Protein backbone atom coordinates (compact mmCIF):
# COMPACT_ATOMS: atom_id res chain seq x y z
CA MET A 1 8.02 -7.80 0.38
CA ILE A 2 6.29 -10.41 2.45
CA PHE A 3 2.73 -11.20 1.54
CA PRO A 4 0.65 -10.77 4.82
CA LEU A 5 -0.98 -14.19 4.76
CA SER A 6 -2.76 -13.68 7.90
CA ALA A 7 -4.20 -10.75 6.79
CA ALA A 8 -5.13 -11.83 3.72
CA ARG A 9 -7.16 -15.11 4.93
CA ASP A 10 -8.98 -12.88 7.21
CA ALA A 11 -9.75 -10.53 4.46
CA VAL A 12 -11.02 -13.23 2.21
CA THR A 13 -13.45 -14.60 5.07
CA ARG A 14 -15.00 -11.28 5.58
CA ALA A 15 -15.17 -10.60 1.55
CA LEU A 16 -16.66 -13.95 0.94
CA ALA A 17 -19.35 -13.69 3.47
CA GLU A 18 -20.05 -10.35 2.59
CA ASP A 19 -20.89 -11.41 -0.71
CA GLY A 20 -23.02 -14.37 0.30
CA ALA A 21 -20.58 -16.79 -1.46
CA HIS A 22 -22.37 -19.41 0.77
CA ASP A 23 -25.54 -18.83 -0.74
CA ASP A 24 -25.00 -18.12 -4.50
CA VAL A 25 -28.78 -18.68 -5.71
CA THR A 26 -27.78 -17.20 -9.19
CA THR A 27 -25.05 -19.33 -10.01
CA ARG A 28 -26.62 -22.29 -8.15
CA TRP A 29 -29.96 -22.02 -10.52
CA SER A 30 -28.48 -21.32 -13.76
CA VAL A 31 -24.83 -23.03 -14.08
CA PRO A 32 -25.10 -27.10 -14.18
CA ALA A 33 -23.66 -28.87 -11.37
CA GLY A 34 -20.38 -30.55 -12.36
CA LEU A 35 -19.74 -28.50 -15.24
CA ARG A 36 -16.13 -28.10 -15.73
CA ALA A 37 -14.53 -24.71 -17.16
CA GLU A 38 -11.68 -22.76 -17.35
CA ALA A 39 -10.95 -19.16 -16.97
CA GLU A 40 -8.40 -16.06 -17.35
CA ILE A 41 -8.06 -13.15 -15.19
CA ILE A 42 -7.22 -10.39 -17.78
CA THR A 43 -5.84 -7.28 -17.59
CA LYS A 44 -7.96 -4.46 -19.49
CA GLN A 45 -5.50 -1.46 -19.13
CA PRO A 46 -1.67 -0.87 -18.66
CA GLY A 47 -0.49 -1.32 -14.95
CA VAL A 48 1.08 -3.19 -12.04
CA ALA A 49 0.17 -6.60 -10.81
CA ALA A 50 -0.28 -6.91 -7.10
CA GLY A 51 -2.19 -9.19 -4.64
CA LEU A 52 -2.01 -12.32 -6.85
CA PRO A 53 -1.85 -14.55 -3.97
CA LEU A 54 -5.20 -13.57 -2.67
CA VAL A 55 -6.67 -15.66 -5.74
CA ALA A 56 -5.50 -18.84 -3.95
CA GLU A 57 -6.79 -17.83 -1.08
CA VAL A 58 -10.29 -17.10 -2.23
CA PHE A 59 -10.77 -20.19 -4.35
CA GLY A 60 -8.99 -22.28 -1.43
CA ARG A 61 -11.68 -21.42 0.65
CA LEU A 62 -14.46 -21.90 -1.96
CA ASP A 63 -13.14 -24.89 -3.59
CA PRO A 64 -9.95 -26.44 -2.93
CA ASP A 65 -9.84 -28.21 -6.09
CA VAL A 66 -9.82 -25.13 -8.33
CA ALA A 67 -6.44 -24.89 -9.97
CA VAL A 68 -4.69 -21.42 -9.76
CA ASP A 69 -2.00 -20.59 -12.07
CA VAL A 70 -0.28 -17.31 -11.50
CA LEU A 71 1.07 -16.23 -14.70
CA VAL A 72 3.00 -13.21 -13.75
CA GLY A 73 5.32 -12.00 -10.59
CA GLU A 74 4.15 -9.66 -8.13
CA GLY A 75 4.94 -6.06 -9.34
CA ALA A 76 5.13 -7.09 -13.14
CA ARG A 77 4.25 -4.53 -15.28
CA VAL A 78 1.12 -5.93 -17.51
CA GLU A 79 -0.35 -4.57 -20.81
CA PRO A 80 -3.95 -4.90 -21.70
CA GLY A 81 -5.34 -8.04 -22.88
CA GLN A 82 -2.59 -10.01 -21.07
CA ALA A 83 -3.76 -12.85 -18.75
CA VAL A 84 -2.34 -12.29 -15.23
CA VAL A 85 -4.06 -15.96 -13.78
CA ARG A 86 -5.46 -18.98 -15.36
CA LEU A 87 -7.98 -21.21 -13.60
CA ALA A 88 -9.54 -24.34 -13.87
CA GLY A 89 -12.28 -26.55 -11.98
CA GLU A 90 -16.00 -26.31 -11.35
CA ALA A 91 -17.96 -23.62 -13.01
CA ARG A 92 -19.90 -22.81 -10.23
CA SER A 93 -17.08 -22.02 -8.18
CA LEU A 94 -15.17 -19.91 -10.53
CA VAL A 95 -18.29 -17.64 -11.26
CA THR A 96 -18.96 -17.45 -7.40
CA GLY A 97 -15.56 -16.37 -6.63
CA GLU A 98 -15.13 -14.07 -9.64
CA ARG A 99 -16.18 -10.63 -7.84
CA THR A 100 -14.28 -11.20 -4.64
CA VAL A 101 -11.09 -12.06 -6.56
CA LEU A 102 -11.51 -9.04 -8.88
CA ASN A 103 -12.29 -6.94 -6.18
CA PHE A 104 -9.04 -7.61 -4.47
CA LEU A 105 -7.08 -7.52 -7.25
CA GLN A 106 -8.30 -4.52 -8.69
CA ARG A 107 -7.69 -2.63 -5.54
CA SER A 108 -4.14 -3.82 -5.15
CA GLY A 109 -3.35 -3.24 -8.84
CA GLY A 110 -4.23 -0.13 -8.84
CA ILE A 111 -2.44 0.93 -5.76
CA ALA A 112 0.75 -0.95 -7.11
CA THR A 113 0.25 0.99 -10.43
CA VAL A 114 0.14 4.72 -8.80
CA THR A 115 2.95 3.96 -6.32
CA ARG A 116 5.13 2.76 -9.46
CA ARG A 117 4.33 6.06 -11.26
CA TYR A 118 5.53 8.09 -8.07
CA VAL A 119 8.64 5.75 -7.53
CA ASP A 120 10.04 5.95 -11.25
CA LEU A 121 9.47 9.70 -10.94
CA VAL A 122 12.44 10.12 -8.33
CA ALA A 123 14.12 6.68 -8.45
CA ASP A 124 17.48 8.73 -9.78
CA LEU A 125 17.28 10.79 -7.15
CA GLY A 126 17.46 7.74 -4.46
CA VAL A 127 14.27 9.68 -2.65
CA THR A 128 12.12 6.98 -0.91
CA VAL A 129 8.45 6.90 -1.45
CA LEU A 130 6.15 6.24 1.56
CA ASP A 131 2.70 5.06 2.06
CA THR A 132 0.58 6.70 5.01
CA ARG A 133 -1.94 4.83 7.41
CA LYS A 134 -4.70 6.44 5.16
CA THR A 135 -5.84 2.71 3.90
CA ALA A 136 -9.17 1.16 3.69
CA PRO A 137 -10.58 -0.24 7.01
CA GLY A 138 -9.36 -3.72 7.68
CA LEU A 139 -7.20 -3.77 4.45
CA ARG A 140 -4.22 -2.01 5.45
CA ALA A 141 -1.70 -4.75 5.44
CA LEU A 142 -3.03 -5.61 1.97
CA ASP A 143 -3.09 -2.10 0.99
CA LYS A 144 0.55 -1.56 2.48
CA TYR A 145 1.68 -4.69 0.22
CA ALA A 146 0.22 -3.39 -2.81
CA VAL A 147 2.55 -0.39 -2.29
CA ALA A 148 5.56 -2.58 -1.91
CA ALA A 149 4.91 -4.49 -5.03
CA GLY A 150 4.85 -1.19 -6.65
CA GLY A 151 8.21 -0.26 -5.26
CA GLY A 152 7.15 1.76 -2.37
CA SER A 153 7.68 1.53 1.34
CA SER A 154 6.29 1.73 4.28
CA HIS A 155 5.99 4.58 6.93
CA ARG A 156 4.55 2.69 9.64
CA LEU A 157 1.94 -0.21 9.86
CA ASP A 158 0.26 0.96 12.95
CA LEU A 159 0.26 3.45 15.94
CA SER A 160 2.58 1.24 17.67
CA ALA A 161 5.13 0.89 15.31
CA MET A 162 7.01 4.11 16.19
CA VAL A 163 6.33 7.76 17.43
CA LEU A 164 4.58 9.93 14.61
CA LEU A 165 4.30 13.27 16.39
CA LYS A 166 1.37 15.41 14.53
CA GLU A 167 0.09 18.81 15.05
CA ASN A 168 -2.47 17.59 17.61
CA HIS A 169 0.09 16.08 19.84
CA ILE A 170 2.46 18.79 19.72
CA ALA A 171 -0.35 21.59 20.48
CA ALA A 172 -1.58 19.06 23.35
CA ALA A 173 1.84 18.90 24.64
CA GLY A 174 2.40 22.75 24.58
CA GLY A 175 5.01 22.77 21.47
CA VAL A 176 7.72 20.90 19.46
CA THR A 177 10.38 20.53 22.30
CA ALA A 178 8.21 19.80 24.86
CA ALA A 179 6.07 17.01 22.80
CA ILE A 180 9.70 15.49 22.09
CA ASP A 181 10.77 15.75 25.60
CA ALA A 182 7.72 14.01 26.83
CA VAL A 183 7.90 11.21 24.38
CA ARG A 184 11.48 10.51 25.60
CA GLY A 185 10.41 10.72 29.21
CA GLY A 186 7.57 8.25 28.48
CA MET A 187 9.99 6.11 26.68
CA ALA A 188 12.56 5.93 29.45
CA ALA A 189 9.46 5.40 32.15
CA GLU A 190 8.61 2.28 29.96
CA GLY A 191 12.06 0.83 28.85
CA ARG A 192 11.41 1.24 25.41
CA ASP A 193 13.51 2.95 22.55
CA THR A 194 11.59 3.87 19.38
CA LEU A 195 12.01 6.23 16.51
CA ILE A 196 10.66 9.54 16.56
CA ASP A 197 9.15 11.35 13.78
CA VAL A 198 8.08 15.05 14.18
CA GLU A 199 5.59 16.58 11.89
CA VAL A 200 6.30 20.30 11.37
CA GLU A 201 4.45 23.26 9.50
CA THR A 202 6.72 26.05 9.46
CA VAL A 203 10.22 26.40 8.87
CA ALA A 204 10.65 27.80 12.60
CA GLU A 205 9.11 24.40 13.70
CA ALA A 206 11.57 22.46 11.83
CA LEU A 207 14.65 24.36 13.31
CA GLU A 208 12.99 23.85 16.66
CA ALA A 209 13.22 19.77 16.14
CA LEU A 210 16.28 20.18 14.81
CA HIS A 211 17.62 21.88 17.88
CA ALA A 212 15.61 19.22 20.02
CA HIS A 213 17.68 16.29 18.29
CA ALA A 214 14.62 14.62 16.49
CA PRO A 215 15.93 11.98 14.31
CA TRP A 216 13.31 12.09 11.78
CA ILE A 217 11.26 15.48 10.68
CA MET A 218 8.18 15.56 8.47
CA LEU A 219 7.72 18.57 6.43
CA ASP A 220 3.92 19.06 5.84
CA ASN A 221 2.61 21.35 3.22
CA MET A 222 5.68 23.27 2.66
CA THR A 223 6.56 24.93 -0.36
CA VAL A 224 9.88 23.98 -2.10
CA ALA A 225 11.66 27.02 -0.98
CA GLU A 226 10.79 26.29 2.57
CA ILE A 227 12.04 22.94 2.28
CA ARG A 228 15.51 23.87 0.89
CA GLN A 229 15.74 26.40 3.70
CA VAL A 230 15.42 23.32 6.07
CA VAL A 231 17.96 21.27 4.23
CA ARG A 232 20.26 24.03 4.37
CA ALA A 233 19.61 24.25 8.36
CA ARG A 234 19.92 20.49 8.89
CA GLU A 235 23.67 20.83 7.85
CA GLU A 236 24.11 23.74 9.53
CA ILE A 237 22.47 22.60 13.02
CA ALA A 238 23.06 18.66 12.84
CA PRO A 239 25.91 18.01 10.38
CA GLY A 240 26.39 14.39 10.15
CA ALA A 241 23.59 13.10 12.54
CA GLY A 242 21.63 11.61 10.01
CA VAL A 243 18.47 13.23 10.46
CA VAL A 244 15.75 12.20 7.95
CA LEU A 245 13.83 14.68 6.20
CA GLU A 246 10.27 13.82 4.65
CA ALA A 247 7.95 15.52 2.68
CA SER A 248 4.36 15.45 2.97
CA GLY A 249 1.15 16.85 1.95
CA ARG A 250 -0.64 17.50 -1.11
CA ILE A 251 2.52 15.26 -2.82
CA THR A 252 1.02 14.95 -6.52
CA LEU A 253 3.03 13.76 -9.48
CA ASP A 254 3.27 17.26 -10.42
CA ARG A 255 5.11 18.60 -7.22
CA LEU A 256 6.75 15.27 -6.47
CA ARG A 257 9.87 16.08 -8.66
CA PRO A 258 10.63 19.59 -7.34
CA ILE A 259 10.12 18.51 -3.80
CA ALA A 260 12.46 15.50 -4.02
CA GLU A 261 15.23 17.75 -5.87
CA ALA A 262 15.03 20.17 -2.78
CA GLY A 263 16.98 17.66 -0.94
CA VAL A 264 14.66 15.36 1.28
CA ASP A 265 15.14 11.85 1.91
CA MET A 266 11.65 10.65 1.69
CA VAL A 267 8.08 11.83 0.58
CA SER A 268 5.07 10.41 1.94
CA VAL A 269 1.93 10.06 -0.18
CA GLY A 270 -1.49 9.19 1.12
CA ALA A 271 -3.04 9.15 -2.12
CA LEU A 272 -1.13 6.18 -2.91
CA THR A 273 -3.71 4.18 -1.00
CA HIS A 274 -6.76 6.53 -0.60
CA SER A 275 -7.15 7.67 -4.07
CA ALA A 276 -6.04 4.78 -6.41
CA PRO A 277 -8.03 4.17 -9.16
CA ALA A 278 -8.70 0.31 -9.67
CA LEU A 279 -6.66 -1.45 -11.96
CA ASP A 280 -9.17 -2.98 -14.77
CA LEU A 281 -9.51 -6.51 -15.03
CA SER A 282 -12.07 -9.00 -16.24
CA MET A 283 -12.53 -12.74 -15.87
CA ALA A 284 -13.49 -14.83 -19.21
CA MET A 285 -14.78 -18.27 -18.52
CA SER A 286 -14.75 -21.00 -21.16
CA PRO A 287 -16.91 -24.24 -20.09
CA ARG A 288 -15.31 -27.25 -21.33
CA PRO A 289 -13.73 -30.57 -20.11
CA SER A 290 -10.21 -29.82 -19.29
CA SER A 291 -7.67 -31.32 -16.87
CA GLY A 292 -6.70 -27.40 -16.40
CA PRO A 293 -3.12 -26.30 -15.51
CA SER A 294 -0.92 -27.92 -12.65
CA ARG A 295 -1.84 -26.42 -9.35
């Protein structure tokens, strides 16, 4: 789990510009210049902390003299009332950066919290929980980092990362086998070797993909009974070939366990990033002279 520093810096630049942090009239006109303060970012509900390095990025941009002391690790479980970050510095800087910091941490923590629920539910089965590209525009690297903080894994970062033949690719190519053959021809022509994942919607399409030697097959919106059929077929058609079976489509917490028990290797869940509720956090500030925590 490597923090995407470049993406974070870009996101912070956009967020501070969006918030007009360079011209915070309310703070400038109400908070005395030179006033020192301490503050804590506190969780208001149980969850998983994520995105904590963003705090230093935000305040480093606003005021490098703000001291940032992160009190928990990435992916740590947190409880209501628990402080996750302690800050010290100019009160004006703390107030101006408050909303931007909380927005980042609430989104990241929400994604990590939902991801951990999915991961914990199938941890004993050895099934990998994957995210998707259903992320907030401009925040993909941070969203996927939050998934990793919650114990999940990334499917692919972008369109260049691997081949994922979905229904429209397959329809345009003329079928599952034709699409796989076309991709292999394209890879050979460009001298590349890229992993191929094929999305199928029926057992018949899954069988076709197995016969076409697809290394990774995504079973989209299949019933548990259909998934079991494909799992059995894998053992018959491609025994020992290491074909990966992934379930996707409407993977809710209620459906996750039965689907995982059907024998798939992975499940991809768009809801990890597109529907995760924010983790509720707040920042409480106390104006006072203070040397603050060590930086």
